Amino acid sequence: MTSVEYRKQSLRWWLARFVVGLGLVLLTMAVGWWWLVFEPTLRGELLTLPQAGSCLAVNSGVCVLAQSLCRGVHLFEIRHYSSGLFWLGIALLGSSPFIATSSHRDLSSL
């Protein structure tokens, strides 16, 4: 393996680790955001834990209705949740193996 190939492989390895770390941070933020919004609905018994748990990944009508009907005290007054951050974290985690194993092809020979 030449030094150029080694540097490219090392860069892909570090990039894959960075993407994993960023994906985990985004997932943690999404779960925290979800908890801030849905903990009062769980305490107020508007939703059960499985129903509220499904809201982590899908913004269904039940989730939107529970968010609008909840009159509980929300930390920082955050009352709405969107699953986009959750799915962005999942996408980053899912893409990291492809980044780590990708190979650079010289297209000039085609």
N, C-alpha and C. Protein backbone atom coordinates (compact mmCIF):
# COMPACT_ATOMS: atom_id res chain seq x y z
N MET A 1 0.86 -1.17 0.00
CA MET A 1 0.00 0.00 0.00
C MET A 1 0.90 1.24 0.00
N THR A 2 0.63 2.14 -0.91
CA THR A 2 1.43 3.35 -0.98
C THR A 2 0.99 4.33 0.10
N SER A 3 1.80 5.35 0.30
CA SER A 3 1.47 6.33 1.33
C SER A 3 0.21 7.11 0.98
N VAL A 4 -0.04 7.34 -0.31
CA VAL A 4 -1.25 8.05 -0.73
C VAL A 4 -2.48 7.20 -0.43
N GLU A 5 -2.40 5.92 -0.76
CA GLU A 5 -3.53 5.02 -0.47
C GLU A 5 -3.76 4.93 1.04
N TYR A 6 -2.68 4.88 1.80
CA TYR A 6 -2.80 4.80 3.25
C TYR A 6 -3.48 6.06 3.80
N ARG A 7 -3.11 7.24 3.29
CA ARG A 7 -3.72 8.48 3.75
C ARG A 7 -5.21 8.52 3.40
N LYS A 8 -5.56 8.06 2.20
CA LYS A 8 -6.98 8.03 1.81
C LYS A 8 -7.77 7.09 2.71
N GLN A 9 -7.19 5.93 2.99
CA GLN A 9 -7.86 4.97 3.86
C GLN A 9 -7.99 5.53 5.27
N SER A 10 -6.94 6.19 5.75
CA SER A 10 -6.98 6.78 7.08
C SER A 10 -8.02 7.90 7.14
N LEU A 11 -8.11 8.71 6.09
CA LEU A 11 -9.10 9.77 6.04
C LEU A 11 -10.52 9.20 6.05
N ARG A 12 -10.75 8.14 5.27
CA ARG A 12 -12.07 7.50 5.28
C ARG A 12 -12.39 6.93 6.66
N TRP A 13 -11.39 6.35 7.33
CA TRP A 13 -11.60 5.79 8.67
C TRP A 13 -12.01 6.90 9.64
N TRP A 14 -11.30 8.05 9.62
CA TRP A 14 -11.63 9.15 10.51
C TRP A 14 -12.97 9.78 10.15
N LEU A 15 -13.26 9.89 8.86
CA LEU A 15 -14.54 10.45 8.43
C LEU A 15 -15.70 9.56 8.88
N ALA A 16 -15.51 8.24 8.76
CA ALA A 16 -16.56 7.32 9.21
C ALA A 16 -16.79 7.44 10.70
N ARG A 17 -15.72 7.59 11.48
CA ARG A 17 -15.87 7.76 12.93
C ARG A 17 -16.56 9.06 13.27
N PHE A 18 -16.22 10.12 12.54
CA PHE A 18 -16.87 11.41 12.76
C PHE A 18 -18.36 11.33 12.45
N VAL A 19 -18.71 10.65 11.36
CA VAL A 19 -20.12 10.51 10.98
C VAL A 19 -20.88 9.69 12.03
N VAL A 20 -20.27 8.65 12.56
CA VAL A 20 -20.89 7.87 13.63
C VAL A 20 -21.11 8.74 14.86
N GLY A 21 -20.09 9.49 15.23
CA GLY A 21 -20.21 10.37 16.40
C GLY A 21 -21.30 11.41 16.21
N LEU A 22 -21.33 12.03 15.04
CA LEU A 22 -22.35 13.03 14.76
C LEU A 22 -23.74 12.39 14.76
N GLY A 23 -23.87 11.19 14.20
CA GLY A 23 -25.16 10.49 14.21
C GLY A 23 -25.63 10.18 15.62
N LEU A 24 -24.70 9.76 16.48
CA LEU A 24 -25.06 9.47 17.87
C LEU A 24 -25.47 10.74 18.62
N VAL A 25 -24.76 11.83 18.36
CA VAL A 25 -25.13 13.11 18.99
C VAL A 25 -26.53 13.53 18.55
N LEU A 26 -26.81 13.42 17.25
CA LEU A 26 -28.14 13.81 16.76
C LEU A 26 -29.24 12.92 17.31
N LEU A 27 -28.96 11.61 17.41
CA LEU A 27 -29.96 10.70 18.00
C LEU A 27 -30.20 11.04 19.47
N THR A 28 -29.15 11.34 20.19
CA THR A 28 -29.29 11.72 21.60
C THR A 28 -30.10 13.00 21.73
N MET A 29 -29.83 13.96 20.86
CA MET A 29 -30.59 15.21 20.88
C MET A 29 -32.06 14.96 20.54
N ALA A 30 -32.32 14.07 19.57
CA ALA A 30 -33.70 13.77 19.19
C ALA A 30 -34.46 13.12 20.34
N VAL A 31 -33.82 12.19 21.03
CA VAL A 31 -34.47 11.53 22.16
C VAL A 31 -34.71 12.53 23.29
N GLY A 32 -33.75 13.40 23.53
CA GLY A 32 -33.94 14.43 24.55
C GLY A 32 -35.07 15.39 24.19
N TRP A 33 -35.12 15.80 22.94
CA TRP A 33 -36.20 16.69 22.47
C TRP A 33 -37.54 15.99 22.60
N TRP A 34 -37.59 14.70 22.19
CA TRP A 34 -38.82 13.92 22.30
C TRP A 34 -39.26 13.86 23.77
N TRP A 35 -38.31 13.61 24.67
CA TRP A 35 -38.65 13.49 26.09
C TRP A 35 -39.18 14.81 26.65
N LEU A 36 -38.57 15.93 26.24
CA LEU A 36 -39.05 17.23 26.70
C LEU A 36 -40.50 17.48 26.29
N VAL A 37 -40.85 17.02 25.11
CA VAL A 37 -42.21 17.25 24.60
C VAL A 37 -43.20 16.23 25.15
N PHE A 38 -42.83 14.96 25.18
CA PHE A 38 -43.81 13.92 25.49
C PHE A 38 -43.84 13.49 26.96
N GLU A 39 -42.88 13.89 27.77
CA GLU A 39 -42.93 13.52 29.18
C GLU A 39 -44.18 14.08 29.86
N PRO A 40 -44.56 15.35 29.62
CA PRO A 40 -45.81 15.83 30.23
C PRO A 40 -47.05 15.11 29.72
N THR A 41 -47.03 14.67 28.47
CA THR A 41 -48.20 13.92 27.96
C THR A 41 -48.27 12.54 28.61
N LEU A 42 -47.11 11.96 28.93
CA LEU A 42 -47.11 10.68 29.64
C LEU A 42 -47.57 10.87 31.08
N ARG A 43 -47.09 11.93 31.71
CA ARG A 43 -47.49 12.22 33.08
C ARG A 43 -48.98 12.52 33.16
N GLY A 44 -49.50 13.23 32.16
CA GLY A 44 -50.92 13.56 32.12
C GLY A 44 -51.79 12.45 31.58
N GLU A 45 -51.19 11.32 31.25
CA GLU A 45 -51.87 10.13 30.76
C GLU A 45 -52.65 10.39 29.47
N LEU A 46 -52.14 11.29 28.63
CA LEU A 46 -52.74 11.47 27.30
C LEU A 46 -52.32 10.36 26.36
N LEU A 47 -51.10 9.87 26.54
CA LEU A 47 -50.58 8.76 25.73
C LEU A 47 -49.92 7.74 26.64
N THR A 48 -49.92 6.49 26.18
CA THR A 48 -49.13 5.47 26.86
C THR A 48 -47.70 5.55 26.35
N LEU A 49 -46.78 4.88 27.02
CA LEU A 49 -45.38 4.91 26.59
C LEU A 49 -45.20 4.33 25.18
N PRO A 50 -45.83 3.21 24.83
CA PRO A 50 -45.68 2.73 23.44
C PRO A 50 -46.23 3.71 22.40
N GLN A 51 -47.33 4.36 22.71
CA GLN A 51 -47.88 5.35 21.78
C GLN A 51 -46.94 6.54 21.63
N ALA A 52 -46.44 7.04 22.74
CA ALA A 52 -45.51 8.17 22.70
C ALA A 52 -44.18 7.75 22.08
N GLY A 53 -43.76 6.52 22.31
CA GLY A 53 -42.52 6.02 21.73
C GLY A 53 -42.56 5.98 20.22
N SER A 54 -43.72 5.69 19.66
CA SER A 54 -43.84 5.68 18.20
C SER A 54 -43.69 7.09 17.63
N CYS A 55 -43.96 8.09 18.45
CA CYS A 55 -43.82 9.49 18.00
C CYS A 55 -42.37 9.89 17.82
N LEU A 56 -41.45 9.11 18.37
CA LEU A 56 -40.04 9.39 18.19
C LEU A 56 -39.65 9.31 16.71
N ALA A 57 -40.25 8.37 15.98
CA ALA A 57 -39.89 8.14 14.58
C ALA A 57 -40.93 8.63 13.59
N VAL A 58 -42.18 8.77 14.01
CA VAL A 58 -43.25 9.12 13.08
C VAL A 58 -44.12 10.21 13.68
N ASN A 59 -44.35 11.25 12.92
CA ASN A 59 -45.26 12.31 13.36
C ASN A 59 -46.67 11.97 12.91
N SER A 60 -47.33 11.10 13.65
CA SER A 60 -48.69 10.69 13.27
C SER A 60 -49.71 11.68 13.81
N GLY A 61 -50.95 11.49 13.40
CA GLY A 61 -52.02 12.35 13.88
C GLY A 61 -52.20 12.27 15.38
N VAL A 62 -52.00 11.08 15.95
CA VAL A 62 -52.12 10.90 17.40
C VAL A 62 -51.06 11.73 18.12
N CYS A 63 -49.86 11.76 17.57
CA CYS A 63 -48.77 12.52 18.19
C CYS A 63 -49.05 14.02 18.14
N VAL A 64 -49.49 14.48 17.00
CA VAL A 64 -49.79 15.91 16.85
C VAL A 64 -50.95 16.30 17.76
N LEU A 65 -51.97 15.44 17.84
CA LEU A 65 -53.11 15.72 18.70
C LEU A 65 -52.69 15.76 20.17
N ALA A 66 -51.87 14.81 20.59
CA ALA A 66 -51.41 14.79 21.99
C ALA A 66 -50.58 16.03 22.31
N GLN A 67 -49.75 16.47 21.37
CA GLN A 67 -48.95 17.67 21.60
C GLN A 67 -49.84 18.90 21.74
N SER A 68 -50.90 18.97 20.94
CA SER A 68 -51.75 20.15 20.99
C SER A 68 -52.69 20.14 22.20
N LEU A 69 -53.08 18.95 22.68
CA LEU A 69 -53.98 18.86 23.82
C LEU A 69 -53.27 18.95 25.17
N CYS A 70 -51.98 18.71 25.17
CA CYS A 70 -51.25 18.70 26.43
C CYS A 70 -51.16 20.12 26.99
N ARG A 71 -51.60 20.28 28.22
CA ARG A 71 -51.54 21.57 28.90
C ARG A 71 -50.56 21.53 30.07
N GLY A 72 -49.74 20.48 30.12
CA GLY A 72 -48.77 20.35 31.20
C GLY A 72 -47.63 21.35 31.05
N VAL A 73 -46.82 21.43 32.08
CA VAL A 73 -45.68 22.33 32.09
C VAL A 73 -44.54 21.66 31.33
N HIS A 74 -44.05 22.32 30.29
CA HIS A 74 -42.95 21.81 29.49
C HIS A 74 -41.69 22.60 29.80
N LEU A 75 -40.60 21.88 30.01
CA LEU A 75 -39.32 22.52 30.26
C LEU A 75 -38.94 23.37 29.06
N PHE A 76 -38.55 24.60 29.28
CA PHE A 76 -38.18 25.56 28.24
C PHE A 76 -39.35 25.87 27.29
N GLU A 77 -40.55 25.49 27.67
CA GLU A 77 -41.76 25.73 26.85
C GLU A 77 -41.67 25.10 25.46
N ILE A 78 -40.92 24.01 25.33
CA ILE A 78 -40.84 23.28 24.06
C ILE A 78 -42.04 22.36 23.98
N ARG A 79 -42.94 22.63 23.06
CA ARG A 79 -44.20 21.88 22.98
C ARG A 79 -44.36 21.05 21.71
N HIS A 80 -43.46 21.18 20.76
CA HIS A 80 -43.61 20.46 19.50
C HIS A 80 -42.34 19.69 19.17
N TYR A 81 -42.52 18.52 18.60
CA TYR A 81 -41.43 17.63 18.23
C TYR A 81 -41.58 17.24 16.77
N SER A 82 -40.46 17.15 16.08
CA SER A 82 -40.44 16.66 14.70
C SER A 82 -39.43 15.52 14.62
N SER A 83 -39.77 14.48 13.90
CA SER A 83 -38.90 13.30 13.84
C SER A 83 -37.74 13.44 12.85
N GLY A 84 -37.61 14.58 12.20
CA GLY A 84 -36.55 14.76 11.21
C GLY A 84 -35.15 14.60 11.78
N LEU A 85 -34.92 15.10 12.97
CA LEU A 85 -33.60 14.99 13.61
C LEU A 85 -33.28 13.52 13.91
N PHE A 86 -34.28 12.77 14.34
CA PHE A 86 -34.10 11.35 14.60
C PHE A 86 -33.66 10.63 13.33
N TRP A 87 -34.35 10.88 12.22
CA TRP A 87 -34.04 10.20 10.97
C TRP A 87 -32.71 10.65 10.37
N LEU A 88 -32.33 11.89 10.60
CA LEU A 88 -31.01 12.34 10.15
C LEU A 88 -29.91 11.59 10.90
N GLY A 89 -30.09 11.40 12.20
CA GLY A 89 -29.13 10.62 12.98
C GLY A 89 -29.05 9.18 12.52
N ILE A 90 -30.19 8.58 12.22
CA ILE A 90 -30.22 7.20 11.70
C ILE A 90 -29.51 7.13 10.36
N ALA A 91 -29.76 8.10 9.47
CA ALA A 91 -29.12 8.10 8.15
C ALA A 91 -27.61 8.23 8.27
N LEU A 92 -27.13 9.07 9.18
CA LEU A 92 -25.69 9.20 9.36
C LEU A 92 -25.07 7.91 9.89
N LEU A 93 -25.73 7.30 10.85
CA LEU A 93 -25.22 6.03 11.37
C LEU A 93 -25.21 4.95 10.30
N GLY A 94 -26.24 4.94 9.47
CA GLY A 94 -26.32 3.94 8.41
C GLY A 94 -25.33 4.17 7.29
N SER A 95 -24.92 5.40 7.08
CA SER A 95 -23.99 5.68 5.99
C SER A 95 -22.53 5.46 6.37
N SER A 96 -22.23 5.42 7.64
CA SER A 96 -20.83 5.32 8.06
C SER A 96 -20.12 4.04 7.57
N PRO A 97 -20.77 2.87 7.54
CA PRO A 97 -20.05 1.70 7.00
C PRO A 97 -19.70 1.87 5.52
N PHE A 98 -20.55 2.56 4.77
CA PHE A 98 -20.27 2.77 3.36
C PHE A 98 -19.10 3.74 3.18
N ILE A 99 -19.02 4.72 4.05
CA ILE A 99 -17.90 5.67 3.98
C ILE A 99 -16.60 4.95 4.31
N ALA A 100 -16.63 4.12 5.34
CA ALA A 100 -15.42 3.43 5.78
C ALA A 100 -14.91 2.44 4.74
N THR A 101 -15.79 1.83 3.98
CA THR A 101 -15.38 0.79 3.04
C THR A 101 -15.36 1.25 1.60
N SER A 102 -15.68 2.50 1.35
CA SER A 102 -15.70 2.98 -0.04
C SER A 102 -14.28 3.02 -0.58
N SER A 103 -14.18 2.87 -1.88
CA SER A 103 -12.88 2.96 -2.51
C SER A 103 -12.94 4.01 -3.60
N HIS A 104 -11.87 4.72 -3.76
CA HIS A 104 -11.79 5.76 -4.78
C HIS A 104 -11.41 5.10 -6.10
N ARG A 105 -12.21 5.30 -7.12
CA ARG A 105 -11.93 4.73 -8.42
C ARG A 105 -11.49 5.83 -9.38
N ASP A 106 -10.51 5.52 -10.16
CA ASP A 106 -10.05 6.46 -11.16
C ASP A 106 -10.95 6.31 -12.39
N LEU A 107 -11.79 7.28 -12.63
CA LEU A 107 -12.76 7.21 -13.72
C LEU A 107 -12.16 7.62 -15.06
N SER A 108 -10.93 8.11 -15.07
CA SER A 108 -10.33 8.53 -16.33
C SER A 108 -10.01 7.36 -17.24
N SER A 109 -9.93 6.16 -16.68
CA SER A 109 -9.61 4.98 -17.49
C SER A 109 -10.84 4.40 -18.19
N LEU A 110 -12.02 4.91 -17.91
CA LEU A 110 -13.24 4.37 -18.52
C LEU A 110 -13.49 4.89 -19.88
